[in-house]
Amino acid sequence: MLLEEGLEGQELSFIVVTDGQRYAPLVPTRDHKRAFDGNLGPNTGGMGAYSTDELLPPGLRQQIVDSIVEPTMRGLAGEGIHYQGFLYIGLMLTGAGPKVLEFNCRLGDPETQAIVARMDFDLAQMLAEVAAGILEPARLKWKSGASACVVLTSGGYPGKFASGKKIAGLTDAGRVNSVQVFHAGTLRQGESIVTNGGRVLGVTAAADSLERALAKVYEAAAKISFEGMHYRKDIGAEAGRVQAAGD
């Protein structure tokens, strides 16, 4: 017998890091899977993501910890699994509360880019503490405000696409204040950087508000070009609509 439940609501990526005994939730993020604006088109590995504390009110955060994270950690220990690293919990925030869609033993992409942009601690030090089993969750401090990542993809992605397209404008994009351009599907050929995958670049920024973070990201993305380049123009757009609906 196969039982299925159709879930309606907003998706949320809730990621924790654990050293096998202690754990710490990372800042919440929301991914955009569909290829085209308006959440249309085929599913992809992720066309963009954003992070803001407004995604997760304190009461809901505690509910997720109490009803999902804590039982998961106890279950791992009960099975004799000494799990160290990142645990990705994909959630649907429904009218009946948060529901688990999936678990992954990794960070998400492009959620990671948005998360890293808000880190106010040494990532390498934290990873070393996780590996050594001495994680101090209280040391994980986060920048206030918001962050966003927009993924620039090859034309045709997630279907067939061509590689080897020369990328222009990376230096100019990097000059936009607080912007980082993360390489994914790229390759160096001589003095040039060319495309070498479906998801090519993750243009990322942090700011004191989601609106400003997105403005920086799209300003930088507009300075980059390669043949067939495609990216969504509405990353984070639903955040304002959801917030307005709850006012």
C-alpha atoms as a PDB file:
ATOM      1  CA  MET A   1       0.000   0.000   0.000  1.00  0.00           C
ATOM      2  CA  LEU A   2       1.266   3.462  -0.910  1.00  0.00           C
ATOM      3  CA  LEU A   3      -0.021   6.465   1.011  1.00  0.00           C
ATOM      4  CA  GLU A   4       0.466   9.983  -0.303  1.00  0.00           C
ATOM      5  CA  GLU A   5      -0.385  13.388   1.091  1.00  0.00           C
ATOM      6  CA  GLY A   6      -0.590  16.496  -1.051  1.00  0.00           C
ATOM      7  CA  LEU A   7       0.991  19.417   0.786  1.00  0.00           C
ATOM      8  CA  GLU A   8       0.280  23.085   0.203  1.00  0.00           C
ATOM      9  CA  GLY A   9       2.357  25.915   1.574  1.00  0.00           C
ATOM     10  CA  GLN A  10       5.767  27.556   1.339  1.00  0.00           C
ATOM     11  CA  GLU A  11       8.938  25.488   1.170  1.00  0.00           C
ATOM     12  CA  LEU A  12      11.785  26.178   3.579  1.00  0.00           C
ATOM     13  CA  SER A  13      15.323  24.840   3.788  1.00  0.00           C
ATOM     14  CA  PHE A  14      16.232  24.239   7.440  1.00  0.00           C
ATOM     15  CA  ILE A  15      19.846  23.102   7.770  1.00  0.00           C
ATOM     16  CA  VAL A  16      21.683  22.124  10.925  1.00  0.00           C
ATOM     17  CA  VAL A  17      25.325  21.332  11.584  1.00  0.00           C
ATOM     18  CA  THR A  18      26.295  18.758  14.198  1.00  0.00           C
ATOM     19  CA  ASP A  19      29.467  17.317  15.676  1.00  0.00           C
ATOM     20  CA  GLY A  20      27.695  14.100  16.651  1.00  0.00           C
ATOM     21  CA  GLN A  21      26.520  15.394  20.027  1.00  0.00           C
ATOM     22  CA  ARG A  22      25.764  19.102  19.776  1.00  0.00           C
ATOM     23  CA  TYR A  23      24.052  20.807  16.865  1.00  0.00           C
ATOM     24  CA  ALA A  24      23.315  24.323  15.646  1.00  0.00           C
ATOM     25  CA  PRO A  25      20.666  25.427  13.154  1.00  0.00           C
ATOM     26  CA  LEU A  26      21.876  27.664  10.325  1.00  0.00           C
ATOM     27  CA  VAL A  27      19.891  30.676   9.147  1.00  0.00           C
ATOM     28  CA  PRO A  28      16.731  29.749   7.197  1.00  0.00           C
ATOM     29  CA  THR A  29      16.695  29.867   3.411  1.00  0.00           C
ATOM     30  CA  ARG A  30      14.204  29.459   0.586  1.00  0.00           C
ATOM     31  CA  ASP A  31      15.170  27.954  -2.758  1.00  0.00           C
ATOM     32  CA  HIS A  32      13.574  28.504  -6.183  1.00  0.00           C
ATOM     33  CA  LYS A  33      13.526  25.274  -8.171  1.00  0.00           C
ATOM     34  CA  ARG A  34      11.591  26.083 -11.347  1.00  0.00           C
ATOM     35  CA  ALA A  35      13.560  27.292 -14.345  1.00  0.00           C
ATOM     36  CA  PHE A  36      11.458  30.330 -15.243  1.00  0.00           C
ATOM     37  CA  ASP A  37       9.875  33.344 -13.578  1.00  0.00           C
ATOM     38  CA  GLY A  38       6.593  32.763 -11.829  1.00  0.00           C
ATOM     39  CA  ASN A  39       7.709  29.262 -10.771  1.00  0.00           C
ATOM     40  CA  LEU A  40       7.112  27.958 -14.285  1.00  0.00           C
ATOM     41  CA  GLY A  41       9.033  25.423 -16.323  1.00  0.00           C
ATOM     42  CA  PRO A  42      10.922  22.279 -15.340  1.00  0.00           C
ATOM     43  CA  ASN A  43      12.503  21.631 -11.972  1.00  0.00           C
ATOM     44  CA  THR A  44      16.192  22.421 -11.664  1.00  0.00           C
ATOM     45  CA  GLY A  45      18.895  22.040  -9.063  1.00  0.00           C
ATOM     46  CA  GLY A  46      18.043  25.569  -7.929  1.00  0.00           C
ATOM     47  CA  MET A  47      17.801  28.923  -9.697  1.00  0.00           C
ATOM     48  CA  GLY A  48      18.319  31.104  -6.655  1.00  0.00           C
ATOM     49  CA  ALA A  49      17.775  31.403  -2.933  1.00  0.00           C
ATOM     50  CA  TYR A  50      17.447  33.993  -0.220  1.00  0.00           C
ATOM     51  CA  SER A  51      17.803  34.156   3.535  1.00  0.00           C
ATOM     52  CA  THR A  52      16.170  36.460   6.040  1.00  0.00           C
ATOM     53  CA  ASP A  53      15.127  35.939   9.640  1.00  0.00           C
ATOM     54  CA  GLU A  54      11.609  36.944   8.623  1.00  0.00           C
ATOM     55  CA  LEU A  55      11.334  33.557   6.914  1.00  0.00           C
ATOM     56  CA  LEU A  56      11.130  31.874  10.295  1.00  0.00           C
ATOM     57  CA  PRO A  57       9.402  33.498  13.293  1.00  0.00           C
ATOM     58  CA  PRO A  58      10.864  32.356  16.666  1.00  0.00           C
ATOM     59  CA  GLY A  59       7.787  30.278  17.539  1.00  0.00           C
ATOM     60  CA  LEU A  60       7.888  28.343  14.283  1.00  0.00           C
ATOM     61  CA  ARG A  61      11.633  27.869  14.581  1.00  0.00           C
ATOM     62  CA  GLN A  62      11.182  26.312  18.017  1.00  0.00           C
ATOM     63  CA  GLN A  63       8.397  24.105  16.718  1.00  0.00           C
ATOM     64  CA  ILE A  64      10.701  22.784  13.996  1.00  0.00           C
ATOM     65  CA  VAL A  65      13.471  22.145  16.516  1.00  0.00           C
ATOM     66  CA  ASP A  66      11.165  20.407  18.999  1.00  0.00           C
ATOM     67  CA  SER A  67       9.089  18.319  16.584  1.00  0.00           C
ATOM     68  CA  ILE A  68      11.595  17.538  13.825  1.00  0.00           C
ATOM     69  CA  VAL A  69      15.234  18.270  14.664  1.00  0.00           C
ATOM     70  CA  GLU A  70      15.349  16.859  18.201  1.00  0.00           C
ATOM     71  CA  PRO A  71      13.557  13.594  17.297  1.00  0.00           C
ATOM     72  CA  THR A  72      15.861  13.201  14.295  1.00  0.00           C
ATOM     73  CA  MET A  73      18.970  13.636  16.420  1.00  0.00           C
ATOM     74  CA  ARG A  74      17.654  11.180  19.018  1.00  0.00           C
ATOM     75  CA  GLY A  75      16.805   8.730  16.256  1.00  0.00           C
ATOM     76  CA  LEU A  76      20.309   8.889  14.799  1.00  0.00           C
ATOM     77  CA  ALA A  77      21.836   8.290  18.238  1.00  0.00           C
ATOM     78  CA  GLY A  78      19.395   5.471  18.905  1.00  0.00           C
ATOM     79  CA  GLU A  79      20.476   3.761  15.680  1.00  0.00           C
ATOM     80  CA  GLY A  80      24.108   4.057  16.729  1.00  0.00           C
ATOM     81  CA  ILE A  81      24.839   6.604  14.000  1.00  0.00           C
ATOM     82  CA  HIS A  82      27.483   9.123  15.025  1.00  0.00           C
ATOM     83  CA  TYR A  83      26.578  11.729  12.435  1.00  0.00           C
ATOM     84  CA  GLN A  84      28.911  14.686  11.927  1.00  0.00           C
ATOM     85  CA  GLY A  85      28.368  17.412   9.353  1.00  0.00           C
ATOM     86  CA  PHE A  86      25.422  19.150   7.766  1.00  0.00           C
ATOM     87  CA  LEU A  87      21.876  17.806   7.768  1.00  0.00           C
ATOM     88  CA  TYR A  88      19.546  19.431   5.262  1.00  0.00           C
ATOM     89  CA  ILE A  89      15.857  19.283   6.190  1.00  0.00           C
ATOM     90  CA  GLY A  90      13.529  20.298   3.365  1.00  0.00           C
ATOM     91  CA  LEU A  91      10.214  21.463   4.815  1.00  0.00           C
ATOM     92  CA  MET A  92       6.785  22.497   3.638  1.00  0.00           C
ATOM     93  CA  LEU A  93       5.210  25.094   5.920  1.00  0.00           C
ATOM     94  CA  THR A  94       1.561  24.040   5.795  1.00  0.00           C
ATOM     95  CA  GLY A  95      -1.512  25.246   7.603  1.00  0.00           C
ATOM     96  CA  ALA A  96      -1.158  22.189   9.861  1.00  0.00           C
ATOM     97  CA  GLY A  97       2.457  23.022  10.698  1.00  0.00           C
ATOM     98  CA  PRO A  98       5.863  22.167   9.207  1.00  0.00           C
ATOM     99  CA  LYS A  99       6.075  18.892   7.272  1.00  0.00           C
ATOM    100  CA  VAL A 100       9.272  17.129   6.176  1.00  0.00           C
ATOM    101  CA  LEU A 101       9.754  16.749   2.432  1.00  0.00           C
ATOM    102  CA  GLU A 102      13.288  15.352   2.451  1.00  0.00           C
ATOM    103  CA  PHE A 103      16.538  14.900   4.320  1.00  0.00           C
ATOM    104  CA  ASN A 104      19.942  15.347   2.662  1.00  0.00           C
ATOM    105  CA  CYS A 105      23.381  14.711   4.141  1.00  0.00           C
ATOM    106  CA  ARG A 106      24.812  17.966   2.783  1.00  0.00           C
ATOM    107  CA  LEU A 107      24.396  21.685   2.444  1.00  0.00           C
ATOM    108  CA  GLY A 108      22.003  22.857  -0.251  1.00  0.00           C
ATOM    109  CA  ASP A 109      22.891  24.690  -3.443  1.00  0.00           C
ATOM    110  CA  PRO A 110      22.163  27.608  -3.901  1.00  0.00           C
ATOM    111  CA  GLU A 111      21.094  27.864  -0.245  1.00  0.00           C
ATOM    112  CA  THR A 112      24.737  27.595   0.822  1.00  0.00           C
ATOM    113  CA  GLN A 113      25.700  30.790  -0.983  1.00  0.00           C
ATOM    114  CA  ALA A 114      22.975  32.739   0.811  1.00  0.00           C
ATOM    115  CA  ILE A 115      23.958  31.179   4.146  1.00  0.00           C
ATOM    116  CA  VAL A 116      27.674  31.914   3.749  1.00  0.00           C
ATOM    117  CA  ALA A 117      26.905  35.560   2.954  1.00  0.00           C
ATOM    118  CA  ARG A 118      25.328  35.931   6.399  1.00  0.00           C
ATOM    119  CA  MET A 119      28.026  34.135   8.413  1.00  0.00           C
ATOM    120  CA  ASP A 120      29.676  36.254  11.094  1.00  0.00           C
ATOM    121  CA  PHE A 121      32.120  33.563  12.181  1.00  0.00           C
ATOM    122  CA  ASP A 122      35.074  31.658  10.771  1.00  0.00           C
ATOM    123  CA  LEU A 123      33.660  28.845   8.640  1.00  0.00           C
ATOM    124  CA  ALA A 124      36.948  26.918   8.572  1.00  0.00           C
ATOM    125  CA  GLN A 125      37.191  27.029  12.361  1.00  0.00           C
ATOM    126  CA  MET A 126      33.610  25.816  12.713  1.00  0.00           C
ATOM    127  CA  LEU A 127      34.242  22.904  10.331  1.00  0.00           C
ATOM    128  CA  ALA A 128      37.363  21.956  12.278  1.00  0.00           C
ATOM    129  CA  GLU A 129      35.340  21.952  15.505  1.00  0.00           C
ATOM    130  CA  VAL A 130      32.684  19.760  13.903  1.00  0.00           C
ATOM    131  CA  ALA A 131      35.322  17.265  12.745  1.00  0.00           C
ATOM    132  CA  ALA A 132      36.934  17.241  16.191  1.00  0.00           C
ATOM    133  CA  GLY A 133      33.601  16.840  18.001  1.00  0.00           C
ATOM    134  CA  ILE A 134      33.903  20.126  19.895  1.00  0.00           C
ATOM    135  CA  LEU A 135      31.301  22.324  18.215  1.00  0.00           C
ATOM    136  CA  GLU A 136      30.255  25.345  20.264  1.00  0.00           C
ATOM    137  CA  PRO A 137      26.831  26.359  18.878  1.00  0.00           C
ATOM    138  CA  ALA A 138      26.846  29.680  20.726  1.00  0.00           C
ATOM    139  CA  ARG A 139      29.835  30.815  18.653  1.00  0.00           C
ATOM    140  CA  LEU A 140      27.833  30.764  15.434  1.00  0.00           C
ATOM    141  CA  LYS A 141      26.872  34.413  15.042  1.00  0.00           C
ATOM    142  CA  TRP A 142      24.912  35.713  12.070  1.00  0.00           C
ATOM    143  CA  LYS A 143      24.700  39.053  10.325  1.00  0.00           C
ATOM    144  CA  SER A 144      21.329  40.724  10.611  1.00  0.00           C
ATOM    145  CA  GLY A 145      19.410  41.636   7.478  1.00  0.00           C
ATOM    146  CA  ALA A 146      19.232  39.357   4.473  1.00  0.00           C
ATOM    147  CA  SER A 147      21.130  37.732   1.638  1.00  0.00           C
ATOM    148  CA  ALA A 148      20.296  36.484  -1.830  1.00  0.00           C
ATOM    149  CA  CYS A 149      21.823  34.353  -4.549  1.00  0.00           C
ATOM    150  CA  VAL A 150      20.791  34.312  -8.206  1.00  0.00           C
ATOM    151  CA  VAL A 151      22.067  31.480 -10.392  1.00  0.00           C
ATOM    152  CA  LEU A 152      23.180  32.238 -13.949  1.00  0.00           C
ATOM    153  CA  THR A 153      22.621  29.188 -16.126  1.00  0.00           C
ATOM    154  CA  SER A 154      23.483  27.970 -19.589  1.00  0.00           C
ATOM    155  CA  GLY A 155      20.745  28.315 -22.200  1.00  0.00           C
ATOM    156  CA  GLY A 156      18.593  25.192 -22.275  1.00  0.00           C
ATOM    157  CA  TYR A 157      19.308  24.132 -18.702  1.00  0.00           C
ATOM    158  CA  PRO A 158      18.055  21.813 -17.180  1.00  0.00           C
ATOM    159  CA  GLY A 159      17.799  20.200 -20.607  1.00  0.00           C
ATOM    160  CA  LYS A 160      20.522  20.108 -23.243  1.00  0.00           C
ATOM    161  CA  PHE A 161      22.941  23.011 -23.221  1.00  0.00           C
ATOM    162  CA  ALA A 162      26.226  23.983 -24.835  1.00  0.00           C
ATOM    163  CA  SER A 163      29.453  24.561 -22.900  1.00  0.00           C
ATOM    164  CA  GLY A 164      32.586  26.519 -23.717  1.00  0.00           C
ATOM    165  CA  LYS A 165      30.885  29.926 -23.930  1.00  0.00           C
ATOM    166  CA  LYS A 166      33.206  32.783 -22.943  1.00  0.00           C
ATOM    167  CA  ILE A 167      32.060  34.673 -19.845  1.00  0.00           C
ATOM    168  CA  ALA A 168      32.455  38.468 -19.799  1.00  0.00           C
ATOM    169  CA  GLY A 169      31.937  40.995 -17.028  1.00  0.00           C
ATOM    170  CA  LEU A 170      33.132  39.026 -13.995  1.00  0.00           C
ATOM    171  CA  THR A 171      35.499  41.766 -12.862  1.00  0.00           C
ATOM    172  CA  ASP A 172      32.832  44.461 -13.171  1.00  0.00           C
ATOM    173  CA  ALA A 173      30.315  42.321 -11.286  1.00  0.00           C
ATOM    174  CA  GLY A 174      32.808  41.767  -8.487  1.00  0.00           C
ATOM    175  CA  ARG A 175      33.160  45.513  -8.029  1.00  0.00           C
ATOM    176  CA  VAL A 176      29.538  45.866  -6.915  1.00  0.00           C
ATOM    177  CA  ASN A 177      29.630  46.484  -3.169  1.00  0.00           C
ATOM    178  CA  SER A 178      29.162  43.350  -1.011  1.00  0.00           C
ATOM    179  CA  VAL A 179      28.733  41.054  -4.029  1.00  0.00           C
ATOM    180  CA  GLN A 180      30.456  37.685  -4.332  1.00  0.00           C
ATOM    181  CA  VAL A 181      30.351  35.643  -7.530  1.00  0.00           C
ATOM    182  CA  PHE A 182      30.630  31.921  -6.799  1.00  0.00           C
ATOM    183  CA  HIS A 183      31.817  29.720  -9.665  1.00  0.00           C
ATOM    184  CA  ALA A 184      30.030  26.433 -10.297  1.00  0.00           C
ATOM    185  CA  GLY A 185      30.044  25.301 -13.937  1.00  0.00           C
ATOM    186  CA  THR A 186      33.086  27.216 -15.206  1.00  0.00           C
ATOM    187  CA  LEU A 187      36.461  26.392 -16.687  1.00  0.00           C
ATOM    188  CA  ARG A 188      39.602  28.433 -17.286  1.00  0.00           C
ATOM    189  CA  GLN A 189      40.849  28.386 -20.879  1.00  0.00           C
ATOM    190  CA  GLY A 190      44.008  30.422 -21.176  1.00  0.00           C
ATOM    191  CA  GLU A 191      43.138  33.913 -19.982  1.00  0.00           C
ATOM    192  CA  SER A 192      39.386  33.345 -20.314  1.00  0.00           C
ATOM    193  CA  ILE A 193      36.696  31.808 -18.131  1.00  0.00           C
ATOM    194  CA  VAL A 194      34.153  29.740 -20.059  1.00  0.00           C
ATOM    195  CA  THR A 195      30.974  27.904 -19.176  1.00  0.00           C
ATOM    196  CA  ASN A 196      31.296  24.252 -18.252  1.00  0.00           C
ATOM    197  CA  GLY A 197      27.951  23.196 -16.850  1.00  0.00           C
ATOM    198  CA  GLY A 198      24.268  23.975 -16.505  1.00  0.00           C
ATOM    199  CA  ARG A 199      24.423  26.152 -13.426  1.00  0.00           C
ATOM    200  CA  VAL A 200      27.361  28.413 -14.162  1.00  0.00           C
ATOM    201  CA  LEU A 201      27.616  31.172 -11.535  1.00  0.00           C
ATOM    202  CA  GLY A 202      25.957  32.075  -8.235  1.00  0.00           C
ATOM    203  CA  VAL A 203      25.816  35.855  -7.850  1.00  0.00           C
ATOM    204  CA  THR A 204      25.394  36.545  -4.136  1.00  0.00           C
ATOM    205  CA  ALA A 205      25.076  39.549  -1.831  1.00  0.00           C
ATOM    206  CA  ALA A 206      24.111  40.476   1.720  1.00  0.00           C
ATOM    207  CA  ALA A 207      22.516  43.712   2.896  1.00  0.00           C
ATOM    208  CA  ASP A 208      20.400  45.152   5.677  1.00  0.00           C
ATOM    209  CA  SER A 209      17.224  44.130   3.838  1.00  0.00           C
ATOM    210  CA  LEU A 210      16.208  41.567   1.264  1.00  0.00           C
ATOM    211  CA  GLU A 211      15.244  44.324  -1.161  1.00  0.00           C
ATOM    212  CA  ARG A 212      18.763  45.814  -1.040  1.00  0.00           C
ATOM    213  CA  ALA A 213      20.455  42.408  -1.258  1.00  0.00           C
ATOM    214  CA  LEU A 214      18.450  41.563  -4.367  1.00  0.00           C
ATOM    215  CA  ALA A 215      19.168  44.959  -5.909  1.00  0.00           C
ATOM    216  CA  LYS A 216      22.910  44.356  -5.535  1.00  0.00           C
ATOM    217  CA  VAL A 217      22.677  40.844  -6.950  1.00  0.00           C
ATOM    218  CA  TYR A 218      20.722  41.912 -10.016  1.00  0.00           C
ATOM    219  CA  GLU A 219      22.995  44.903 -10.573  1.00  0.00           C
ATOM    220  CA  ALA A 220      25.985  42.564 -10.631  1.00  0.00           C
ATOM    221  CA  ALA A 221      24.231  39.903 -12.727  1.00  0.00           C
ATOM    222  CA  ALA A 222      23.453  42.503 -15.398  1.00  0.00           C
ATOM    223  CA  LYS A 223      27.187  43.113 -15.828  1.00  0.00           C
ATOM    224  CA  ILE A 224      27.877  39.449 -16.692  1.00  0.00           C
ATOM    225  CA  SER A 225      27.221  37.954 -20.089  1.00  0.00           C
ATOM    226  CA  PHE A 226      27.776  34.792 -22.076  1.00  0.00           C
ATOM    227  CA  GLU A 227      25.977  33.294 -25.049  1.00  0.00           C
ATOM    228  CA  GLY A 228      22.634  31.811 -24.013  1.00  0.00           C
ATOM    229  CA  MET A 229      22.841  33.051 -20.423  1.00  0.00           C
ATOM    230  CA  HIS A 230      19.586  32.726 -18.497  1.00  0.00           C
ATOM    231  CA  TYR A 231      18.513  33.605 -14.966  1.00  0.00           C
ATOM    232  CA  ARG A 232      15.305  34.221 -13.118  1.00  0.00           C
ATOM    233  CA  LYS A 233      14.338  37.835 -12.495  1.00  0.00           C
ATOM    234  CA  ASP A 234      11.967  37.122  -9.599  1.00  0.00           C
ATOM    235  CA  ILE A 235      14.085  35.494  -6.906  1.00  0.00           C
ATOM    236  CA  GLY A 236      12.673  36.527  -3.537  1.00  0.00           C
ATOM    237  CA  ALA A 237       9.697  38.280  -5.110  1.00  0.00           C
ATOM    238  CA  GLU A 238       7.157  36.174  -3.226  1.00  0.00           C
ATOM    239  CA  ALA A 239       8.661  37.224   0.123  1.00  0.00           C
ATOM    240  CA  GLY A 240       6.921  40.598  -0.050  1.00  0.00           C
ATOM    241  CA  ARG A 241       3.643  39.043  -1.109  1.00  0.00           C
ATOM    242  CA  VAL A 242       3.686  36.504   1.739  1.00  0.00           C
ATOM    243  CA  GLN A 243       4.589  39.171   4.272  1.00  0.00           C
ATOM    244  CA  ALA A 244       1.877  41.511   2.993  1.00  0.00           C
ATOM    245  CA  ALA A 245      -0.691  38.716   3.216  1.00  0.00           C
ATOM    246  CA  GLY A 246       0.217  38.212   6.851  1.00  0.00           C
ATOM    247  CA  ASP A 247       0.020  41.868   7.833  1.00  0.00           C
END
